[in-house]
Amino acid sequence: MNASNEPSLSQDSLTLQQAQQDVDQWIQSIGVRYFDPMTNLAQLIEEVGEVARILSRTHGEQSYKPDDQPGQLADELADVLFVTLCLANQSGIDLTEALQANLDKKTKRDRDRHRNNPKLQS
């Protein structure tokens, strides 16, 4: 915590572990407490919807309505990550370990799958 009692978030290269700690520190000092997991799930779905909205308008066939303000993809992806970090923290999950295990699983399962997929050949 700094002098103003706000969390001092990491500025340099951020690991998943540090991100989880930073989010927890923010929740404890500013956010009061974690939302319950079902509320966080609803928040996650809402934020993923915001990402979908931006991408459907910038890379898809949808257009913005005249009164529609374009969202910032980076900010919405950060919102998705924030809620994901909250869910991991409140579930006792180390996302560094979880991501490494997930990448290992995908590597073993998909080692040749995508290379041999004719749909992905250009």
N, C-alpha and C. Protein backbone atom coordinates (compact mmCIF):
# COMPACT_ATOMS: atom_id res chain seq x y z
N MET A 1 0.85 -1.18 0.00
CA MET A 1 0.00 0.00 0.00
C MET A 1 0.89 1.24 0.00
N ASN A 2 0.40 2.25 -0.68
CA ASN A 2 1.15 3.50 -0.66
C ASN A 2 0.56 4.44 0.38
N ALA A 3 1.04 5.65 0.43
CA ALA A 3 0.62 6.60 1.46
C ALA A 3 -0.87 6.89 1.42
N SER A 4 -1.49 6.81 0.26
CA SER A 4 -2.92 7.12 0.17
C SER A 4 -3.78 5.89 0.45
N ASN A 5 -3.17 4.81 0.93
CA ASN A 5 -3.87 3.59 1.28
C ASN A 5 -4.42 2.85 0.06
N GLU A 6 -3.90 3.16 -1.12
CA GLU A 6 -4.30 2.45 -2.33
C GLU A 6 -3.24 1.41 -2.65
N PRO A 7 -3.64 0.31 -3.29
CA PRO A 7 -2.65 -0.70 -3.64
C PRO A 7 -1.65 -0.15 -4.64
N SER A 8 -0.40 -0.55 -4.49
CA SER A 8 0.61 -0.15 -5.47
C SER A 8 0.73 -1.29 -6.48
N LEU A 9 0.10 -1.11 -7.61
CA LEU A 9 0.07 -2.15 -8.62
C LEU A 9 1.39 -2.20 -9.36
N SER A 10 1.74 -3.39 -9.81
CA SER A 10 2.99 -3.59 -10.55
C SER A 10 2.98 -2.78 -11.83
N GLN A 11 4.09 -2.19 -12.17
CA GLN A 11 4.21 -1.40 -13.38
C GLN A 11 4.99 -2.13 -14.46
N ASP A 12 5.94 -2.96 -14.07
CA ASP A 12 6.78 -3.64 -15.04
C ASP A 12 6.07 -4.87 -15.58
N SER A 13 6.84 -5.76 -16.17
CA SER A 13 6.30 -7.01 -16.69
C SER A 13 5.57 -7.73 -15.56
N LEU A 14 4.35 -8.09 -15.85
CA LEU A 14 3.46 -8.63 -14.83
C LEU A 14 3.27 -10.12 -15.04
N THR A 15 3.57 -10.91 -14.02
CA THR A 15 3.31 -12.34 -14.08
C THR A 15 1.86 -12.59 -13.70
N LEU A 16 1.36 -13.76 -14.02
CA LEU A 16 0.01 -14.11 -13.59
C LEU A 16 -0.08 -14.11 -12.06
N GLN A 17 0.95 -14.62 -11.41
CA GLN A 17 0.96 -14.64 -9.95
C GLN A 17 0.86 -13.22 -9.39
N GLN A 18 1.65 -12.30 -9.93
CA GLN A 18 1.60 -10.92 -9.46
C GLN A 18 0.25 -10.29 -9.78
N ALA A 19 -0.30 -10.60 -10.94
CA ALA A 19 -1.62 -10.07 -11.29
C ALA A 19 -2.67 -10.56 -10.30
N GLN A 20 -2.60 -11.82 -9.92
CA GLN A 20 -3.55 -12.34 -8.93
C GLN A 20 -3.38 -11.62 -7.60
N GLN A 21 -2.14 -11.38 -7.21
CA GLN A 21 -1.88 -10.66 -5.95
C GLN A 21 -2.37 -9.22 -6.04
N ASP A 22 -2.11 -8.56 -7.17
CA ASP A 22 -2.54 -7.17 -7.34
C ASP A 22 -4.06 -7.04 -7.29
N VAL A 23 -4.75 -7.97 -7.95
CA VAL A 23 -6.21 -7.94 -7.92
C VAL A 23 -6.71 -8.18 -6.50
N ASP A 24 -6.12 -9.14 -5.80
CA ASP A 24 -6.54 -9.40 -4.43
C ASP A 24 -6.31 -8.18 -3.55
N GLN A 25 -5.17 -7.53 -3.72
CA GLN A 25 -4.88 -6.32 -2.95
C GLN A 25 -5.90 -5.23 -3.27
N TRP A 26 -6.25 -5.08 -4.54
CA TRP A 26 -7.25 -4.08 -4.94
C TRP A 26 -8.61 -4.40 -4.32
N ILE A 27 -9.00 -5.66 -4.37
CA ILE A 27 -10.29 -6.07 -3.80
C ILE A 27 -10.30 -5.76 -2.30
N GLN A 28 -9.24 -6.12 -1.60
CA GLN A 28 -9.19 -5.93 -0.15
C GLN A 28 -9.17 -4.46 0.25
N SER A 29 -8.56 -3.60 -0.56
CA SER A 29 -8.40 -2.20 -0.16
C SER A 29 -9.45 -1.27 -0.76
N ILE A 30 -9.94 -1.57 -1.96
CA ILE A 30 -10.87 -0.68 -2.65
C ILE A 30 -12.21 -1.35 -2.92
N GLY A 31 -12.18 -2.60 -3.31
CA GLY A 31 -13.39 -3.30 -3.71
C GLY A 31 -14.23 -3.84 -2.56
N VAL A 32 -13.79 -3.68 -1.34
CA VAL A 32 -14.45 -4.11 -0.11
C VAL A 32 -14.38 -5.63 0.06
N ARG A 33 -14.90 -6.40 -0.91
CA ARG A 33 -14.83 -7.86 -0.86
C ARG A 33 -15.09 -8.39 -2.26
N TYR A 34 -14.81 -9.68 -2.44
CA TYR A 34 -15.12 -10.31 -3.71
C TYR A 34 -16.63 -10.46 -3.84
N PHE A 35 -17.14 -10.26 -5.05
CA PHE A 35 -18.52 -10.64 -5.32
C PHE A 35 -18.60 -12.16 -5.21
N ASP A 36 -19.78 -12.70 -4.94
CA ASP A 36 -19.90 -14.14 -4.90
C ASP A 36 -19.61 -14.71 -6.29
N PRO A 37 -19.24 -15.98 -6.38
CA PRO A 37 -18.85 -16.56 -7.67
C PRO A 37 -19.92 -16.44 -8.76
N MET A 38 -21.18 -16.56 -8.44
CA MET A 38 -22.22 -16.45 -9.46
C MET A 38 -22.31 -15.02 -9.99
N THR A 39 -22.14 -14.03 -9.12
CA THR A 39 -22.12 -12.64 -9.58
C THR A 39 -20.90 -12.41 -10.47
N ASN A 40 -19.75 -12.96 -10.07
CA ASN A 40 -18.56 -12.82 -10.90
C ASN A 40 -18.73 -13.54 -12.24
N LEU A 41 -19.43 -14.66 -12.25
CA LEU A 41 -19.70 -15.33 -13.52
C LEU A 41 -20.54 -14.43 -14.42
N ALA A 42 -21.57 -13.81 -13.84
CA ALA A 42 -22.40 -12.89 -14.62
C ALA A 42 -21.57 -11.72 -15.14
N GLN A 43 -20.66 -11.20 -14.30
CA GLN A 43 -19.78 -10.11 -14.72
C GLN A 43 -18.88 -10.56 -15.87
N LEU A 44 -18.35 -11.78 -15.76
CA LEU A 44 -17.48 -12.31 -16.80
C LEU A 44 -18.22 -12.42 -18.13
N ILE A 45 -19.43 -12.94 -18.10
CA ILE A 45 -20.23 -13.07 -19.31
C ILE A 45 -20.52 -11.69 -19.90
N GLU A 46 -20.82 -10.73 -19.03
CA GLU A 46 -21.08 -9.36 -19.51
C GLU A 46 -19.85 -8.79 -20.20
N GLU A 47 -18.68 -8.98 -19.62
CA GLU A 47 -17.45 -8.44 -20.20
C GLU A 47 -17.09 -9.16 -21.50
N VAL A 48 -17.29 -10.47 -21.55
CA VAL A 48 -17.04 -11.21 -22.80
C VAL A 48 -18.00 -10.70 -23.88
N GLY A 49 -19.22 -10.37 -23.48
CA GLY A 49 -20.18 -9.79 -24.43
C GLY A 49 -19.69 -8.46 -24.98
N GLU A 50 -19.05 -7.66 -24.15
CA GLU A 50 -18.50 -6.39 -24.62
C GLU A 50 -17.38 -6.62 -25.63
N VAL A 51 -16.55 -7.63 -25.38
CA VAL A 51 -15.50 -7.98 -26.34
C VAL A 51 -16.15 -8.41 -27.66
N ALA A 52 -17.17 -9.25 -27.57
CA ALA A 52 -17.86 -9.72 -28.78
C ALA A 52 -18.48 -8.56 -29.54
N ARG A 53 -19.05 -7.64 -28.83
CA ARG A 53 -19.67 -6.47 -29.47
C ARG A 53 -18.65 -5.67 -30.27
N ILE A 54 -17.50 -5.42 -29.66
CA ILE A 54 -16.45 -4.66 -30.35
C ILE A 54 -15.96 -5.42 -31.58
N LEU A 55 -15.67 -6.69 -31.42
CA LEU A 55 -15.12 -7.47 -32.53
C LEU A 55 -16.14 -7.65 -33.65
N SER A 56 -17.42 -7.79 -33.29
CA SER A 56 -18.42 -7.96 -34.34
C SER A 56 -18.58 -6.70 -35.18
N ARG A 57 -18.23 -5.56 -34.58
CA ARG A 57 -18.34 -4.30 -35.31
C ARG A 57 -17.04 -3.90 -36.00
N THR A 58 -15.91 -4.32 -35.46
CA THR A 58 -14.64 -3.94 -36.07
C THR A 58 -14.12 -4.99 -37.05
N HIS A 59 -14.46 -6.25 -36.84
CA HIS A 59 -13.97 -7.32 -37.72
C HIS A 59 -15.08 -8.14 -38.34
N GLY A 60 -16.29 -7.95 -37.86
CA GLY A 60 -17.43 -8.68 -38.40
C GLY A 60 -18.26 -7.80 -39.30
N GLU A 61 -19.48 -8.21 -39.51
CA GLU A 61 -20.35 -7.50 -40.45
C GLU A 61 -21.28 -6.51 -39.78
N GLN A 62 -21.26 -6.43 -38.47
CA GLN A 62 -22.08 -5.46 -37.75
C GLN A 62 -21.49 -4.06 -37.91
N SER A 63 -22.35 -3.06 -37.84
CA SER A 63 -21.88 -1.67 -37.84
C SER A 63 -22.35 -1.01 -36.55
N TYR A 64 -21.70 0.09 -36.23
CA TYR A 64 -22.09 0.84 -35.04
C TYR A 64 -23.37 1.61 -35.33
N LYS A 65 -24.25 1.68 -34.34
CA LYS A 65 -25.43 2.53 -34.43
C LYS A 65 -24.98 3.98 -34.29
N PRO A 66 -25.78 4.93 -34.79
CA PRO A 66 -25.36 6.34 -34.70
C PRO A 66 -25.04 6.81 -33.28
N ASP A 67 -25.79 6.31 -32.29
CA ASP A 67 -25.57 6.76 -30.91
C ASP A 67 -24.66 5.80 -30.13
N ASP A 68 -24.06 4.86 -30.81
CA ASP A 68 -23.22 3.85 -30.19
C ASP A 68 -21.79 4.36 -30.07
N GLN A 69 -21.21 4.25 -28.90
CA GLN A 69 -19.82 4.65 -28.69
C GLN A 69 -18.93 3.43 -28.84
N PRO A 70 -17.95 3.50 -29.73
CA PRO A 70 -17.04 2.35 -29.87
C PRO A 70 -16.30 2.09 -28.56
N GLY A 71 -16.28 0.83 -28.15
CA GLY A 71 -15.54 0.46 -26.95
C GLY A 71 -14.08 0.23 -27.28
N GLN A 72 -13.29 0.14 -26.26
CA GLN A 72 -11.87 -0.11 -26.41
C GLN A 72 -11.60 -1.59 -26.13
N LEU A 73 -11.15 -2.31 -27.14
CA LEU A 73 -10.92 -3.74 -27.01
C LEU A 73 -9.95 -4.05 -25.88
N ALA A 74 -8.86 -3.30 -25.78
CA ALA A 74 -7.87 -3.56 -24.73
C ALA A 74 -8.50 -3.46 -23.34
N ASP A 75 -9.33 -2.44 -23.13
CA ASP A 75 -9.97 -2.24 -21.84
C ASP A 75 -10.94 -3.38 -21.53
N GLU A 76 -11.70 -3.81 -22.53
CA GLU A 76 -12.67 -4.88 -22.31
C GLU A 76 -11.96 -6.22 -22.06
N LEU A 77 -10.87 -6.47 -22.78
CA LEU A 77 -10.10 -7.69 -22.52
C LEU A 77 -9.50 -7.65 -21.11
N ALA A 78 -9.07 -6.48 -20.68
CA ALA A 78 -8.55 -6.34 -19.31
C ALA A 78 -9.65 -6.59 -18.29
N ASP A 79 -10.88 -6.16 -18.59
CA ASP A 79 -12.01 -6.45 -17.70
C ASP A 79 -12.25 -7.96 -17.60
N VAL A 80 -12.17 -8.66 -18.74
CA VAL A 80 -12.32 -10.12 -18.74
C VAL A 80 -11.24 -10.75 -17.86
N LEU A 81 -10.00 -10.28 -18.03
CA LEU A 81 -8.90 -10.82 -17.24
C LEU A 81 -9.09 -10.53 -15.76
N PHE A 82 -9.52 -9.32 -15.43
CA PHE A 82 -9.74 -8.95 -14.02
C PHE A 82 -10.74 -9.89 -13.36
N VAL A 83 -11.87 -10.12 -14.00
CA VAL A 83 -12.89 -10.98 -13.40
C VAL A 83 -12.39 -12.43 -13.34
N THR A 84 -11.64 -12.85 -14.36
CA THR A 84 -11.06 -14.19 -14.34
C THR A 84 -10.11 -14.35 -13.16
N LEU A 85 -9.30 -13.32 -12.92
CA LEU A 85 -8.39 -13.34 -11.78
C LEU A 85 -9.16 -13.38 -10.46
N CYS A 86 -10.26 -12.65 -10.39
CA CYS A 86 -11.10 -12.70 -9.19
C CYS A 86 -11.63 -14.11 -8.94
N LEU A 87 -12.15 -14.73 -9.99
CA LEU A 87 -12.69 -16.09 -9.86
C LEU A 87 -11.60 -17.07 -9.44
N ALA A 88 -10.41 -16.92 -10.00
CA ALA A 88 -9.30 -17.80 -9.63
C ALA A 88 -8.93 -17.59 -8.17
N ASN A 89 -8.82 -16.34 -7.76
CA ASN A 89 -8.45 -16.04 -6.37
C ASN A 89 -9.45 -16.62 -5.39
N GLN A 90 -10.72 -16.39 -5.64
CA GLN A 90 -11.72 -16.85 -4.68
C GLN A 90 -11.92 -18.36 -4.73
N SER A 91 -11.38 -19.01 -5.76
CA SER A 91 -11.47 -20.47 -5.88
C SER A 91 -10.17 -21.15 -5.46
N GLY A 92 -9.17 -20.35 -5.07
CA GLY A 92 -7.89 -20.91 -4.64
C GLY A 92 -7.08 -21.51 -5.77
N ILE A 93 -7.23 -20.97 -6.98
CA ILE A 93 -6.53 -21.50 -8.15
C ILE A 93 -5.32 -20.62 -8.47
N ASP A 94 -4.17 -21.25 -8.62
CA ASP A 94 -2.97 -20.58 -9.08
C ASP A 94 -3.00 -20.63 -10.60
N LEU A 95 -3.28 -19.49 -11.23
CA LEU A 95 -3.43 -19.47 -12.69
C LEU A 95 -2.13 -19.75 -13.42
N THR A 96 -0.99 -19.49 -12.82
CA THR A 96 0.28 -19.84 -13.44
C THR A 96 0.35 -21.35 -13.63
N GLU A 97 0.08 -22.09 -12.56
CA GLU A 97 0.08 -23.55 -12.63
C GLU A 97 -1.02 -24.06 -13.56
N ALA A 98 -2.19 -23.47 -13.48
CA ALA A 98 -3.31 -23.91 -14.30
C ALA A 98 -3.04 -23.69 -15.78
N LEU A 99 -2.48 -22.53 -16.13
CA LEU A 99 -2.19 -22.25 -17.53
C LEU A 99 -1.10 -23.18 -18.06
N GLN A 100 -0.07 -23.42 -17.26
CA GLN A 100 1.00 -24.32 -17.70
C GLN A 100 0.45 -25.72 -17.92
N ALA A 101 -0.37 -26.20 -17.01
CA ALA A 101 -0.98 -27.53 -17.17
C ALA A 101 -1.88 -27.57 -18.41
N ASN A 102 -2.60 -26.49 -18.66
CA ASN A 102 -3.48 -26.42 -19.82
C ASN A 102 -2.68 -26.42 -21.12
N LEU A 103 -1.58 -25.66 -21.15
CA LEU A 103 -0.72 -25.65 -22.34
C LEU A 103 -0.09 -27.02 -22.58
N ASP A 104 0.32 -27.68 -21.50
CA ASP A 104 0.88 -29.04 -21.63
C ASP A 104 -0.16 -29.99 -22.20
N LYS A 105 -1.39 -29.90 -21.70
CA LYS A 105 -2.47 -30.75 -22.19
C LYS A 105 -2.71 -30.50 -23.68
N LYS A 106 -2.80 -29.24 -24.06
CA LYS A 106 -3.05 -28.90 -25.46
C LYS A 106 -1.89 -29.34 -26.36
N THR A 107 -0.67 -29.22 -25.87
CA THR A 107 0.50 -29.62 -26.64
C THR A 107 0.46 -31.12 -26.92
N LYS A 108 0.17 -31.90 -25.91
CA LYS A 108 0.10 -33.36 -26.10
C LYS A 108 -1.06 -33.74 -27.01
N ARG A 109 -2.21 -33.15 -26.78
CA ARG A 109 -3.42 -33.50 -27.53
C ARG A 109 -3.37 -33.00 -28.97
N ASP A 110 -2.83 -31.82 -29.17
CA ASP A 110 -2.95 -31.16 -30.47
C ASP A 110 -1.63 -31.04 -31.22
N ARG A 111 -0.64 -31.81 -30.83
CA ARG A 111 0.70 -31.69 -31.42
C ARG A 111 0.65 -31.65 -32.94
N ASP A 112 -0.12 -32.52 -33.58
CA ASP A 112 -0.20 -32.56 -35.03
C ASP A 112 -1.59 -32.22 -35.56
N ARG A 113 -2.53 -32.10 -34.69
CA ARG A 113 -3.93 -31.90 -35.09
C ARG A 113 -4.11 -30.69 -36.01
N HIS A 114 -3.59 -29.55 -35.64
CA HIS A 114 -3.81 -28.34 -36.43
C HIS A 114 -2.97 -28.31 -37.70
N ARG A 115 -1.76 -28.87 -37.63
CA ARG A 115 -0.93 -28.96 -38.83
C ARG A 115 -1.57 -29.83 -39.89
N ASN A 116 -2.31 -30.85 -39.45
CA ASN A 116 -2.94 -31.80 -40.38
C ASN A 116 -4.37 -31.40 -40.74
N ASN A 117 -4.82 -30.26 -40.28
CA ASN A 117 -6.19 -29.82 -40.56
C ASN A 117 -6.20 -29.08 -41.90
N PRO A 118 -6.82 -29.66 -42.94
CA PRO A 118 -6.81 -28.99 -44.25
C PRO A 118 -7.52 -27.64 -44.22
N LYS A 119 -8.40 -27.43 -43.28
CA LYS A 119 -9.10 -26.15 -43.19
C LYS A 119 -8.15 -25.01 -42.80
N LEU A 120 -7.04 -25.36 -42.19
CA LEU A 120 -6.10 -24.33 -41.74
C LEU A 120 -4.94 -24.12 -42.72
N GLN A 121 -4.91 -24.89 -43.78
CA GLN A 121 -3.85 -24.74 -44.77
C GLN A 121 -4.20 -23.57 -45.69
N SER A 122 -3.23 -22.71 -45.93
CA SER A 122 -3.51 -21.58 -46.81
C SER A 122 -2.71 -21.63 -48.09
